[in-house]
C-alpha atoms as a PDB file:
ATOM      1  CA  MET A   1     -30.019 -14.800  -2.449  1.00  0.00           C
ATOM      2  CA  THR A   2     -32.516 -13.218  -4.825  1.00  0.00           C
ATOM      3  CA  TRP A   3     -31.130 -10.129  -6.534  1.00  0.00           C
ATOM      4  CA  THR A   4     -33.698  -7.491  -7.484  1.00  0.00           C
ATOM      5  CA  ALA A   5     -33.420  -4.327  -9.538  1.00  0.00           C
ATOM      6  CA  GLY A   6     -33.712  -2.392  -6.307  1.00  0.00           C
ATOM      7  CA  ALA A   7     -30.762  -4.270  -4.867  1.00  0.00           C
ATOM      8  CA  THR A   8     -28.729  -3.419  -7.942  1.00  0.00           C
ATOM      9  CA  LEU A   9     -29.458   0.261  -7.439  1.00  0.00           C
ATOM     10  CA  CYS A  10     -28.450  -0.076  -3.800  1.00  0.00           C
ATOM     11  CA  LEU A  11     -25.107  -1.521  -4.892  1.00  0.00           C
ATOM     12  CA  LEU A  12     -24.523   1.326  -7.292  1.00  0.00           C
ATOM     13  CA  ALA A  13     -25.510   3.905  -4.725  1.00  0.00           C
ATOM     14  CA  LEU A  14     -23.249   2.361  -2.133  1.00  0.00           C
ATOM     15  CA  ALA A  15     -20.380   2.119  -4.582  1.00  0.00           C
ATOM     16  CA  GLY A  16     -20.805   5.754  -5.499  1.00  0.00           C
ATOM     17  CA  CYS A  17     -20.791   6.790  -1.858  1.00  0.00           C
ATOM     18  CA  THR A  18     -17.680   4.770  -1.221  1.00  0.00           C
ATOM     19  CA  ALA A  19     -15.676   6.973  -3.537  1.00  0.00           C
ATOM     20  CA  GLY A  20     -16.169   9.829  -1.114  1.00  0.00           C
ATOM     21  CA  VAL A  21     -14.948   7.904   1.908  1.00  0.00           C
ATOM     22  CA  PRO A  22     -11.258   8.956   2.054  1.00  0.00           C
ATOM     23  CA  ALA A  23     -11.376  12.574   3.147  1.00  0.00           C
ATOM     24  CA  PRO A  24     -13.491  12.306   6.313  1.00  0.00           C
ATOM     25  CA  THR A  25     -12.388   8.869   7.449  1.00  0.00           C
ATOM     26  CA  GLY A  26      -8.677   8.462   6.839  1.00  0.00           C
ATOM     27  CA  SER A  27      -5.315  10.006   7.376  1.00  0.00           C
ATOM     28  CA  VAL A  28      -3.042  10.943   4.486  1.00  0.00           C
ATOM     29  CA  LEU A  29      -0.099   8.623   3.893  1.00  0.00           C
ATOM     30  CA  SER A  30       3.201  10.024   2.710  1.00  0.00           C
ATOM     31  CA  ALA A  31       5.441   6.983   2.459  1.00  0.00           C
ATOM     32  CA  THR A  32       8.697   7.567   0.560  1.00  0.00           C
ATOM     33  CA  ALA A  33       7.754  11.104  -0.484  1.00  0.00           C
ATOM     34  CA  THR A  34      10.854  13.212  -0.897  1.00  0.00           C
ATOM     35  CA  PRO A  35      11.490  16.294   1.276  1.00  0.00           C
ATOM     36  CA  GLY A  36       9.757  19.327  -0.156  1.00  0.00           C
ATOM     37  CA  SER A  37       7.233  17.205  -2.009  1.00  0.00           C
ATOM     38  CA  ARG A  38       3.829  18.464  -3.028  1.00  0.00           C
ATOM     39  CA  PRO A  39       1.088  18.497  -0.395  1.00  0.00           C
ATOM     40  CA  SER A  40      -0.798  15.212   0.037  1.00  0.00           C
ATOM     41  CA  ALA A  41      -4.240  16.809  -0.136  1.00  0.00           C
ATOM     42  CA  PRO A  42      -5.950  16.519  -3.516  1.00  0.00           C
ATOM     43  CA  VAL A  43      -5.173  19.335  -5.911  1.00  0.00           C
ATOM     44  CA  SER A  44      -6.661  20.273  -9.247  1.00  0.00           C
ATOM     45  CA  ILE A  45      -4.962  18.396 -12.030  1.00  0.00           C
ATOM     46  CA  ALA A  46      -3.803  20.152 -15.138  1.00  0.00           C
ATOM     47  CA  PRO A  47      -6.033  20.074 -18.213  1.00  0.00           C
ATOM     48  CA  GLU A  48      -3.879  17.281 -19.588  1.00  0.00           C
ATOM     49  CA  PRO A  49      -1.517  15.370 -17.256  1.00  0.00           C
ATOM     50  CA  THR A  50       1.675  14.252 -18.908  1.00  0.00           C
ATOM     51  CA  THR A  51       4.088  11.437 -18.253  1.00  0.00           C
ATOM     52  CA  PRO A  52       7.844  11.930 -17.862  1.00  0.00           C
ATOM     53  CA  ALA A  53       9.636  11.974 -21.184  1.00  0.00           C
ATOM     54  CA  SER A  54      11.056   8.595 -22.111  1.00  0.00           C
ATOM     55  CA  ILE A  55      11.560   6.417 -25.150  1.00  0.00           C
ATOM     56  CA  ALA A  56       8.324   4.674 -26.063  1.00  0.00           C
ATOM     57  CA  PRO A  57       8.332   0.867 -26.000  1.00  0.00           C
ATOM     58  CA  SER A  58       8.781  -0.757 -29.367  1.00  0.00           C
ATOM     59  CA  PRO A  59       6.079  -3.072 -30.724  1.00  0.00           C
ATOM     60  CA  SER A  60       6.141  -6.345 -28.775  1.00  0.00           C
ATOM     61  CA  ALA A  61       6.578  -9.637 -30.521  1.00  0.00           C
ATOM     62  CA  THR A  62       3.908 -12.246 -29.900  1.00  0.00           C
ATOM     63  CA  PRO A  63       5.175 -14.601 -27.169  1.00  0.00           C
ATOM     64  CA  ASP A  64       6.234 -17.964 -28.498  1.00  0.00           C
ATOM     65  CA  PRO A  65       5.468 -20.817 -26.067  1.00  0.00           C
ATOM     66  CA  GLN A  66       8.164 -22.907 -27.743  1.00  0.00           C
ATOM     67  CA  SER A  67      10.910 -20.280 -27.625  1.00  0.00           C
ATOM     68  CA  GLY A  68      12.041 -20.915 -24.078  1.00  0.00           C
ATOM     69  CA  GLU A  69      12.157 -17.153 -23.542  1.00  0.00           C
ATOM     70  CA  GLU A  70       8.499 -16.217 -23.191  1.00  0.00           C
ATOM     71  CA  SER A  71       5.469 -18.346 -22.477  1.00  0.00           C
ATOM     72  CA  LEU A  72       1.782 -17.561 -22.745  1.00  0.00           C
ATOM     73  CA  THR A  73       1.234 -18.372 -19.065  1.00  0.00           C
ATOM     74  CA  GLU A  74       3.371 -18.522 -15.945  1.00  0.00           C
ATOM     75  CA  ALA A  75       4.241 -21.640 -13.952  1.00  0.00           C
ATOM     76  CA  PHE A  76       2.208 -21.474 -10.747  1.00  0.00           C
ATOM     77  CA  ASP A  77       3.636 -23.308  -7.727  1.00  0.00           C
ATOM     78  CA  TYR A  78       0.705 -23.956  -5.398  1.00  0.00           C
ATOM     79  CA  GLY A  79       3.097 -24.998  -2.646  1.00  0.00           C
ATOM     80  CA  ASN A  80       4.880 -21.633  -2.627  1.00  0.00           C
ATOM     81  CA  PHE A  81       2.132 -19.597  -0.940  1.00  0.00           C
ATOM     82  CA  SER A  82       2.560 -20.199   2.787  1.00  0.00           C
ATOM     83  CA  ASN A  83       1.372 -16.674   3.729  1.00  0.00           C
ATOM     84  CA  SER A  84      -0.360 -15.524   0.562  1.00  0.00           C
ATOM     85  CA  ILE A  85      -2.346 -12.619   2.021  1.00  0.00           C
ATOM     86  CA  ALA A  86       0.680 -10.839   3.502  1.00  0.00           C
ATOM     87  CA  ILE A  87       1.364  -8.686   0.433  1.00  0.00           C
ATOM     88  CA  ASP A  88       4.355  -6.510   1.255  1.00  0.00           C
ATOM     89  CA  ASN A  89       6.184  -6.415  -2.082  1.00  0.00           C
ATOM     90  CA  ARG A  90       8.069  -3.097  -2.046  1.00  0.00           C
ATOM     91  CA  TRP A  91       6.551  -2.016  -5.376  1.00  0.00           C
ATOM     92  CA  LEU A  92       3.022  -3.298  -4.864  1.00  0.00           C
ATOM     93  CA  PRO A  93       2.073  -3.452  -1.172  1.00  0.00           C
ATOM     94  CA  PHE A  94      -1.569  -4.168  -0.346  1.00  0.00           C
ATOM     95  CA  VAL A  95      -2.328  -3.183   3.244  1.00  0.00           C
ATOM     96  CA  PRO A  96      -5.995  -3.523   4.311  1.00  0.00           C
ATOM     97  CA  GLY A  97      -7.660  -0.110   4.556  1.00  0.00           C
ATOM     98  CA  THR A  98      -5.292   1.607   2.124  1.00  0.00           C
ATOM     99  CA  GLN A  99      -7.159   3.606  -0.486  1.00  0.00           C
ATOM    100  CA  ARG A 100      -5.675   5.388  -3.477  1.00  0.00           C
ATOM    101  CA  VAL A 101      -7.357   7.819  -5.845  1.00  0.00           C
ATOM    102  CA  LEU A 102      -5.975   8.458  -9.329  1.00  0.00           C
ATOM    103  CA  GLU A 103      -7.340  11.107 -11.661  1.00  0.00           C
ATOM    104  CA  GLY A 104      -6.644  12.068 -15.231  1.00  0.00           C
ATOM    105  CA  PHE A 105      -8.019  11.777 -18.732  1.00  0.00           C
ATOM    106  CA  ALA A 106      -8.796   9.176 -21.399  1.00  0.00           C
ATOM    107  CA  THR A 107     -10.185   9.163 -24.923  1.00  0.00           C
ATOM    108  CA  VAL A 108     -13.608   7.524 -25.262  1.00  0.00           C
ATOM    109  CA  ASP A 109     -15.450   7.511 -28.590  1.00  0.00           C
ATOM    110  CA  GLY A 110     -13.057  10.157 -29.873  1.00  0.00           C
ATOM    111  CA  GLU A 111     -13.701  12.527 -26.964  1.00  0.00           C
ATOM    112  CA  ARG A 112     -11.241  13.415 -24.214  1.00  0.00           C
ATOM    113  CA  ILE A 113     -12.967  12.876 -20.855  1.00  0.00           C
ATOM    114  CA  LYS A 114     -12.072  13.006 -17.173  1.00  0.00           C
ATOM    115  CA  ARG A 115     -11.314   9.682 -15.523  1.00  0.00           C
ATOM    116  CA  ARG A 116     -11.210   8.843 -11.806  1.00  0.00           C
ATOM    117  CA  VAL A 117     -10.165   5.525 -10.293  1.00  0.00           C
ATOM    118  CA  VAL A 118     -10.598   4.630  -6.607  1.00  0.00           C
ATOM    119  CA  ILE A 119      -8.793   1.488  -5.437  1.00  0.00           C
ATOM    120  CA  THR A 120      -9.204   0.143  -1.910  1.00  0.00           C
ATOM    121  CA  THR A 121      -7.486  -2.845  -0.349  1.00  0.00           C
ATOM    122  CA  THR A 122     -10.247  -4.373   1.742  1.00  0.00           C
ATOM    123  CA  ASP A 123      -9.927  -6.544   4.821  1.00  0.00           C
ATOM    124  CA  LEU A 124     -11.613  -9.370   2.894  1.00  0.00           C
ATOM    125  CA  THR A 125      -9.916 -12.540   1.702  1.00  0.00           C
ATOM    126  CA  LYS A 126     -11.194 -15.106  -0.777  1.00  0.00           C
ATOM    127  CA  VAL A 127      -9.951 -18.531  -1.816  1.00  0.00           C
ATOM    128  CA  ILE A 128      -9.399 -18.716  -5.577  1.00  0.00           C
ATOM    129  CA  ASP A 129      -8.038 -21.899  -7.153  1.00  0.00           C
ATOM    130  CA  GLY A 130      -6.978 -23.157  -3.729  1.00  0.00           C
ATOM    131  CA  ILE A 131      -5.041 -19.986  -2.794  1.00  0.00           C
ATOM    132  CA  ARG A 132      -6.301 -17.456  -0.254  1.00  0.00           C
ATOM    133  CA  THR A 133      -6.197 -13.999  -1.839  1.00  0.00           C
ATOM    134  CA  VAL A 134      -6.510 -10.362  -0.815  1.00  0.00           C
ATOM    135  CA  VAL A 135      -9.594  -8.631  -2.230  1.00  0.00           C
ATOM    136  CA  ASN A 136      -9.191  -5.192  -3.815  1.00  0.00           C
ATOM    137  CA  TYR A 137     -12.292  -3.131  -4.599  1.00  0.00           C
ATOM    138  CA  GLU A 138     -12.018  -0.725  -7.525  1.00  0.00           C
ATOM    139  CA  LEU A 139     -14.396   1.932  -8.854  1.00  0.00           C
ATOM    140  CA  ASP A 140     -13.891   3.568 -12.284  1.00  0.00           C
ATOM    141  CA  TYR A 141     -15.601   6.825 -13.282  1.00  0.00           C
ATOM    142  CA  ASN A 142     -15.878   8.641 -16.597  1.00  0.00           C
ATOM    143  CA  ASP A 143     -16.867  12.300 -16.213  1.00  0.00           C
ATOM    144  CA  GLY A 144     -18.243  11.490 -12.770  1.00  0.00           C
ATOM    145  CA  ASP A 145     -20.367   8.517 -13.858  1.00  0.00           C
ATOM    146  CA  LEU A 146     -19.603   5.064 -12.459  1.00  0.00           C
ATOM    147  CA  ILE A 147     -18.775   2.819 -15.409  1.00  0.00           C
ATOM    148  CA  GLU A 148     -17.206  -0.151 -13.641  1.00  0.00           C
ATOM    149  CA  ALA A 149     -16.941  -1.740 -10.194  1.00  0.00           C
ATOM    150  CA  GLU A 150     -14.451  -4.556  -9.767  1.00  0.00           C
ATOM    151  CA  LEU A 151     -13.183  -7.144  -7.328  1.00  0.00           C
ATOM    152  CA  ALA A 152      -9.547  -8.104  -7.973  1.00  0.00           C
ATOM    153  CA  PHE A 153      -7.844 -11.004  -6.215  1.00  0.00           C
ATOM    154  CA  TYR A 154      -4.132 -10.930  -5.379  1.00  0.00           C
ATOM    155  CA  ALA A 155      -1.729 -13.277  -3.609  1.00  0.00           C
ATOM    156  CA  GLN A 156       1.978 -13.066  -2.796  1.00  0.00           C
ATOM    157  CA  ASP A 157       4.218 -16.091  -3.095  1.00  0.00           C
ATOM    158  CA  ASP A 158       7.061 -16.945  -0.744  1.00  0.00           C
ATOM    159  CA  ASP A 159       9.536 -15.225  -3.090  1.00  0.00           C
ATOM    160  CA  ALA A 160       7.584 -11.930  -2.723  1.00  0.00           C
ATOM    161  CA  ALA A 161       6.135 -11.916  -6.244  1.00  0.00           C
ATOM    162  CA  VAL A 162       2.540 -10.650  -6.408  1.00  0.00           C
ATOM    163  CA  TRP A 163       0.070 -12.675  -8.482  1.00  0.00           C
ATOM    164  CA  LEU A 164      -3.280 -11.697  -9.960  1.00  0.00           C
ATOM    165  CA  VAL A 165      -5.521 -14.738  -9.454  1.00  0.00           C
ATOM    166  CA  GLY A 166      -8.722 -13.397 -10.968  1.00  0.00           C
ATOM    167  CA  GLU A 167     -10.986 -10.403 -11.539  1.00  0.00           C
ATOM    168  CA  TYR A 168     -14.712  -9.814 -11.350  1.00  0.00           C
ATOM    169  CA  PRO A 169     -15.585  -6.499 -13.077  1.00  0.00           C
ATOM    170  CA  GLU A 170     -19.137  -5.262 -13.593  1.00  0.00           C
ATOM    171  CA  GLU A 171     -19.724  -2.696 -16.324  1.00  0.00           C
ATOM    172  CA  TYR A 172     -22.515  -0.120 -16.138  1.00  0.00           C
ATOM    173  CA  GLU A 173     -24.205   2.222 -18.586  1.00  0.00           C
ATOM    174  CA  ASP A 174     -26.546   4.976 -17.417  1.00  0.00           C
ATOM    175  CA  GLY A 175     -26.454   3.449 -13.938  1.00  0.00           C
ATOM    176  CA  LYS A 176     -27.560   0.000 -15.138  1.00  0.00           C
ATOM    177  CA  PHE A 177     -25.671  -3.282 -15.130  1.00  0.00           C
ATOM    178  CA  VAL A 178     -24.488  -4.299 -18.607  1.00  0.00           C
ATOM    179  CA  GLU A 179     -22.119  -7.258 -18.279  1.00  0.00           C
ATOM    180  CA  ALA A 180     -19.429  -8.876 -16.146  1.00  0.00           C
ATOM    181  CA  PRO A 181     -16.438 -10.040 -18.251  1.00  0.00           C
ATOM    182  CA  PHE A 182     -14.684 -11.852 -15.405  1.00  0.00           C
ATOM    183  CA  TRP A 183     -12.034 -14.543 -15.188  1.00  0.00           C
ATOM    184  CA  ILE A 184     -11.152 -16.763 -12.257  1.00  0.00           C
ATOM    185  CA  ALA A 185      -7.972 -18.867 -12.156  1.00  0.00           C
ATOM    186  CA  GLY A 186      -8.779 -22.562 -12.198  1.00  0.00           C
ATOM    187  CA  SER A 187     -12.027 -22.092 -14.135  1.00  0.00           C
ATOM    188  CA  GLU A 188     -12.650 -21.967 -17.896  1.00  0.00           C
ATOM    189  CA  ASP A 189      -8.927 -22.471 -18.652  1.00  0.00           C
ATOM    190  CA  ALA A 190      -7.996 -19.274 -16.772  1.00  0.00           C
ATOM    191  CA  LYS A 191      -4.613 -19.085 -15.052  1.00  0.00           C
ATOM    192  CA  ALA A 192      -3.044 -16.708 -12.544  1.00  0.00           C
ATOM    193  CA  GLY A 193      -0.383 -14.254 -13.690  1.00  0.00           C
ATOM    194  CA  ILE A 194       2.320 -12.053 -12.198  1.00  0.00           C
ATOM    195  CA  MET A 195       1.446  -8.437 -11.422  1.00  0.00           C
ATOM    196  CA  MET A 196       4.782  -7.620  -9.809  1.00  0.00           C
ATOM    197  CA  GLN A 197       8.006  -9.587  -9.808  1.00  0.00           C
ATOM    198  CA  SER A 198       9.920 -10.026  -6.574  1.00  0.00           C
ATOM    199  CA  GLU A 199      12.996  -8.324  -8.047  1.00  0.00           C
ATOM    200  CA  PRO A 200      12.048  -6.391 -11.200  1.00  0.00           C
ATOM    201  CA  SER A 201      14.883  -5.908 -13.658  1.00  0.00           C
ATOM    202  CA  VAL A 202      15.071  -4.597 -17.209  1.00  0.00           C
ATOM    203  CA  ALA A 203      16.992  -7.726 -18.107  1.00  0.00           C
ATOM    204  CA  THR A 204      14.036 -10.041 -17.479  1.00  0.00           C
ATOM    205  CA  ARG A 205      11.631 -11.322 -20.114  1.00  0.00           C
ATOM    206  CA  SER A 206       8.022 -10.223 -20.326  1.00  0.00           C
ATOM    207  CA  TYR A 207       5.550 -12.150 -18.206  1.00  0.00           C
ATOM    208  CA  SER A 208       1.873 -13.043 -18.267  1.00  0.00           C
ATOM    209  CA  GLU A 209      -0.347 -10.953 -15.985  1.00  0.00           C
ATOM    210  CA  GLY A 210      -3.015 -13.624 -16.142  1.00  0.00           C
ATOM    211  CA  TRP A 211      -4.745 -15.747 -18.726  1.00  0.00           C
ATOM    212  CA  GLY A 212      -8.510 -15.497 -19.177  1.00  0.00           C
ATOM    213  CA  PRO A 213      -9.188 -16.731 -22.723  1.00  0.00           C
ATOM    214  CA  LYS A 214     -12.973 -16.623 -22.397  1.00  0.00           C
ATOM    215  CA  VAL A 215     -12.944 -12.839 -21.960  1.00  0.00           C
ATOM    216  CA  GLY A 216      -9.768 -12.093 -23.923  1.00  0.00           C
ATOM    217  CA  TRP A 217      -7.569 -11.335 -20.910  1.00  0.00           C
ATOM    218  CA  THR A 218      -4.035 -11.947 -22.215  1.00  0.00           C
ATOM    219  CA  ASP A 219      -2.172  -8.937 -20.806  1.00  0.00           C
ATOM    220  CA  ARG A 220       1.568  -9.042 -20.310  1.00  0.00           C
ATOM    221  CA  GLY A 221       4.089  -6.910 -18.448  1.00  0.00           C
ATOM    222  CA  ARG A 222       7.785  -6.171 -18.659  1.00  0.00           C
ATOM    223  CA  VAL A 223      10.135  -3.855 -16.847  1.00  0.00           C
ATOM    224  CA  PHE A 224      10.626  -0.769 -18.992  1.00  0.00           C
ATOM    225  CA  GLU A 225      12.654   1.489 -16.723  1.00  0.00           C
ATOM    226  CA  THR A 226      14.073   1.677 -13.194  1.00  0.00           C
ATOM    227  CA  GLY A 227      15.403   4.534 -11.095  1.00  0.00           C
ATOM    228  CA  SER A 228      13.044   7.160 -12.504  1.00  0.00           C
ATOM    229  CA  GLU A 229      11.691  10.185 -10.647  1.00  0.00           C
ATOM    230  CA  THR A 230       8.165  11.545 -10.879  1.00  0.00           C
ATOM    231  CA  CYS A 231       5.951  14.126  -9.210  1.00  0.00           C
ATOM    232  CA  VAL A 232       2.180  13.741  -8.939  1.00  0.00           C
ATOM    233  CA  PRO A 233      -0.347  15.779  -6.918  1.00  0.00           C
ATOM    234  CA  ALA A 234       0.025  13.440  -3.927  1.00  0.00           C
ATOM    235  CA  ALA A 235       3.843  13.703  -3.650  1.00  0.00           C
ATOM    236  CA  CYS A 236       7.172  13.474  -5.449  1.00  0.00           C
ATOM    237  CA  TYR A 237       8.928  10.109  -5.617  1.00  0.00           C
ATOM    238  CA  LYS A 238      12.405   8.828  -6.428  1.00  0.00           C
ATOM    239  CA  SER A 239      13.549   5.343  -7.470  1.00  0.00           C
ATOM    240  CA  VAL A 240      10.401   4.794  -9.506  1.00  0.00           C
ATOM    241  CA  LEU A 241       9.842   1.550 -11.405  1.00  0.00           C
ATOM    242  CA  VAL A 242       8.076   1.699 -14.790  1.00  0.00           C
ATOM    243  CA  ILE A 243       6.228  -1.359 -16.098  1.00  0.00           C
ATOM    244  CA  ASP A 244       5.150  -1.606 -19.736  1.00  0.00           C
ATOM    245  CA  GLU A 245       1.838  -3.473 -20.043  1.00  0.00           C
ATOM    246  CA  PHE A 246       0.572  -4.707 -23.390  1.00  0.00           C
ATOM    247  CA  ASN A 247      -1.809  -7.202 -24.913  1.00  0.00           C
ATOM    248  CA  ARG A 248      -0.367  -9.901 -27.155  1.00  0.00           C
ATOM    249  CA  ASP A 249      -3.089  -9.204 -29.716  1.00  0.00           C
ATOM    250  CA  GLU A 250      -2.268  -5.463 -29.842  1.00  0.00           C
ATOM    251  CA  PRO A 251       1.541  -5.342 -29.920  1.00  0.00           C
ATOM    252  CA  ASP A 252       1.753  -1.598 -30.646  1.00  0.00           C
ATOM    253  CA  ALA A 253      -0.486  -0.423 -27.794  1.00  0.00           C
ATOM    254  CA  HIS A 254       1.183   0.078 -24.417  1.00  0.00           C
ATOM    255  CA  GLN A 255       0.172   1.247 -20.964  1.00  0.00           C
ATOM    256  CA  LEU A 256       2.997   2.484 -18.739  1.00  0.00           C
ATOM    257  CA  LYS A 257       2.523   2.142 -14.979  1.00  0.00           C
ATOM    258  CA  TYR A 258       4.811   3.943 -12.540  1.00  0.00           C
ATOM    259  CA  TYR A 259       5.417   2.369  -9.116  1.00  0.00           C
ATOM    260  CA  ALA A 260       6.977   4.172  -6.157  1.00  0.00           C
ATOM    261  CA  ASP A 261       8.991   2.221  -3.612  1.00  0.00           C
ATOM    262  CA  GLY A 262       6.798   1.390  -0.611  1.00  0.00           C
ATOM    263  CA  VAL A 263       3.736   3.052  -2.146  1.00  0.00           C
ATOM    264  CA  GLY A 264       2.603   1.264  -5.313  1.00  0.00           C
ATOM    265  CA  ASN A 265       1.116   2.692  -8.497  1.00  0.00           C
ATOM    266  CA  VAL A 266       1.395   6.496  -8.606  1.00  0.00           C
ATOM    267  CA  ARG A 267       1.088   7.268 -12.316  1.00  0.00           C
ATOM    268  CA  VAL A 268      -0.299   5.753 -15.526  1.00  0.00           C
ATOM    269  CA  GLY A 269       0.808   6.746 -19.021  1.00  0.00           C
ATOM    270  CA  TRP A 270       0.676   5.338 -22.527  1.00  0.00           C
ATOM    271  CA  ALA A 271       2.738   4.738 -25.647  1.00  0.00           C
ATOM    272  CA  GLY A 272       2.277   3.130 -29.040  1.00  0.00           C
ATOM    273  CA  ALA A 273       0.569   4.090 -32.281  1.00  0.00           C
ATOM    274  CA  ARG A 274      -2.440   1.883 -31.595  1.00  0.00           C
ATOM    275  CA  GLU A 275      -3.146   2.909 -28.017  1.00  0.00           C
ATOM    276  CA  GLU A 276      -6.689   4.223 -28.441  1.00  0.00           C
ATOM    277  CA  GLU A 277      -7.629   5.402 -24.936  1.00  0.00           C
ATOM    278  CA  GLN A 278      -4.329   7.218 -24.312  1.00  0.00           C
ATOM    279  CA  GLU A 279      -5.149   7.137 -20.613  1.00  0.00           C
ATOM    280  CA  VAL A 280      -3.105   9.281 -18.224  1.00  0.00           C
ATOM    281  CA  LEU A 281      -3.650   9.132 -14.467  1.00  0.00           C
ATOM    282  CA  GLU A 282      -1.902  10.628 -11.444  1.00  0.00           C
ATOM    283  CA  LEU A 283      -2.152   9.722  -7.783  1.00  0.00           C
ATOM    284  CA  VAL A 284      -4.029  12.573  -6.089  1.00  0.00           C
ATOM    285  CA  LYS A 285      -4.826  10.982  -2.738  1.00  0.00           C
ATOM    286  CA  LEU A 286      -3.469   8.136  -0.633  1.00  0.00           C
ATOM    287  CA  VAL A 287      -5.182   7.454   2.694  1.00  0.00           C
ATOM    288  CA  ARG A 288      -5.587   4.815   5.375  1.00  0.00           C
ATOM    289  CA  LEU A 289      -9.277   4.383   6.145  1.00  0.00           C
ATOM    290  CA  ASN A 290     -10.490   4.190   9.717  1.00  0.00           C
ATOM    291  CA  ALA A 291     -12.749   1.357  10.909  1.00  0.00           C
ATOM    292  CA  ASP A 292     -15.943   3.050   9.755  1.00  0.00           C
ATOM    293  CA  GLY A 293     -14.600   3.865   6.304  1.00  0.00           C
ATOM    294  CA  LEU A 294     -13.242   0.354   5.841  1.00  0.00           C
ATOM    295  CA  ALA A 295     -16.578  -1.145   6.921  1.00  0.00           C
ATOM    296  CA  LYS A 296     -18.393   0.853   4.208  1.00  0.00           C
ATOM    297  CA  VAL A 297     -16.033  -0.386   1.523  1.00  0.00           C
ATOM    298  CA  ARG A 298     -16.302  -3.947   2.828  1.00  0.00           C
ATOM    299  CA  ALA A 299     -20.097  -3.779   2.595  1.00  0.00           C
ATOM    300  CA  ALA A 300     -19.915  -2.482  -0.985  1.00  0.00           C
ATOM    301  CA  ALA A 301     -17.448  -5.222  -1.984  1.00  0.00           C
ATOM    302  CA  LEU A 302     -19.635  -7.933  -0.456  1.00  0.00           C
ATOM    303  CA  ALA A 303     -22.696  -6.532  -2.238  1.00  0.00           C
ATOM    304  CA  LEU A 304     -20.798  -6.763  -5.522  1.00  0.00           C
ATOM    305  CA  GLU A 305     -19.832 -10.354  -4.749  1.00  0.00           C
ATOM    306  CA  HIS A 306     -23.429 -11.255  -3.911  1.00  0.00           C
ATOM    307  CA  HIS A 307     -24.430 -10.019  -7.342  1.00  0.00           C
ATOM    308  CA  ALA A 308     -21.610 -12.065  -8.871  1.00  0.00           C
ATOM    309  CA  TYR A 309     -23.208 -15.219  -7.448  1.00  0.00           C
ATOM    310  CA  VAL A 310     -26.420 -14.290  -9.256  1.00  0.00           C
ATOM    311  CA  VAL A 311     -24.710 -13.346 -12.524  1.00  0.00           C
ATOM    312  CA  SER A 312     -22.524 -16.480 -12.691  1.00  0.00           C
ATOM    313  CA  LYS A 313     -24.229 -19.480 -11.125  1.00  0.00           C
ATOM    314  CA  ASP A 314     -21.989 -21.984 -12.929  1.00  0.00           C
ATOM    315  CA  VAL A 315     -18.544 -20.446 -12.252  1.00  0.00           C
ATOM    316  CA  TYR A 316     -18.313 -17.657  -9.676  1.00  0.00           C
ATOM    317  CA  ALA A 317     -21.046 -19.173  -7.512  1.00  0.00           C
ATOM    318  CA  LEU A 318     -18.836 -22.269  -7.070  1.00  0.00           C
ATOM    319  CA  THR A 319     -16.149 -20.242  -5.274  1.00  0.00           C
ATOM    320  CA  GLU A 320     -15.997 -19.823  -1.506  1.00  0.00           C
ATOM    321  CA  PRO A 321     -17.515 -16.559  -0.234  1.00  0.00           C
ATOM    322  CA  ALA A 322     -15.132 -13.728   0.650  1.00  0.00           C
ATOM    323  CA  ARG A 323     -14.732 -13.223   4.388  1.00  0.00           C
ATOM    324  CA  PRO A 324     -13.051 -10.720   6.702  1.00  0.00           C
ATOM    325  CA  ARG A 325      -9.606 -11.536   8.003  1.00  0.00           C
END
């Protein structure tokens, strides 16, 4: 396929339209919301969302591959994925057609700006490194401008752990494509990582969330807290799991992600003296798209993948095309 500048603009236009899909095409989900919770319809967020008070994570030691306690990458058992696209982990379920919208603020170039993230689990699957994965389509906005569109590939093993098997993000500036710092497990020394353990516990060691050395993807996660409660514009949740995410090269910068049982990520916070963006996000909308809404997102995701084949003829173009279930 020949990709033209006009086609790129079509992708951006379609991606921008996709962000408006939820309201007219879906029904609001309210899984695990407590009685008397806030209404599910989007509400105006406060000037500065805050995260529940808790002790900030301490600086993380660099993982030592010889220590026996932490390793740079996770052992990946290719034979343990008999139904890899059935992702029903209680903390990170990915049901096709589910769309979540998180809103908040982040610091960019010293200025506090509004941030909006729209994440949709598509009905597409894609084989990465021999494993069939679920394709998530994510759009990131700063002050209303699309700055990134991403395809993320997830698979669940037979123990119910969810793995991130690769990411293809495209970054934009003033509506124009800038770069695509992607990593795909099985290529360029990249390896899959764990995004959610089957049974998260504060007693477990930190774990690799993927290894993409070419683009500097070395993020790690560890269970920071369990049994928390939190309220966001979408609803109030109990039994919340908090995961501390950090990069081994920036041990005193932490992102805290809050996961509600049966729902997934409902809040994002930060901690650490070197956390520059200080991003805070809250779930403002959770919907299940109807057939028409899901078709629009699918088309946008496929358009992004088509561009990926043009951008990376020697790596991404060697992967099998994504296809509907």
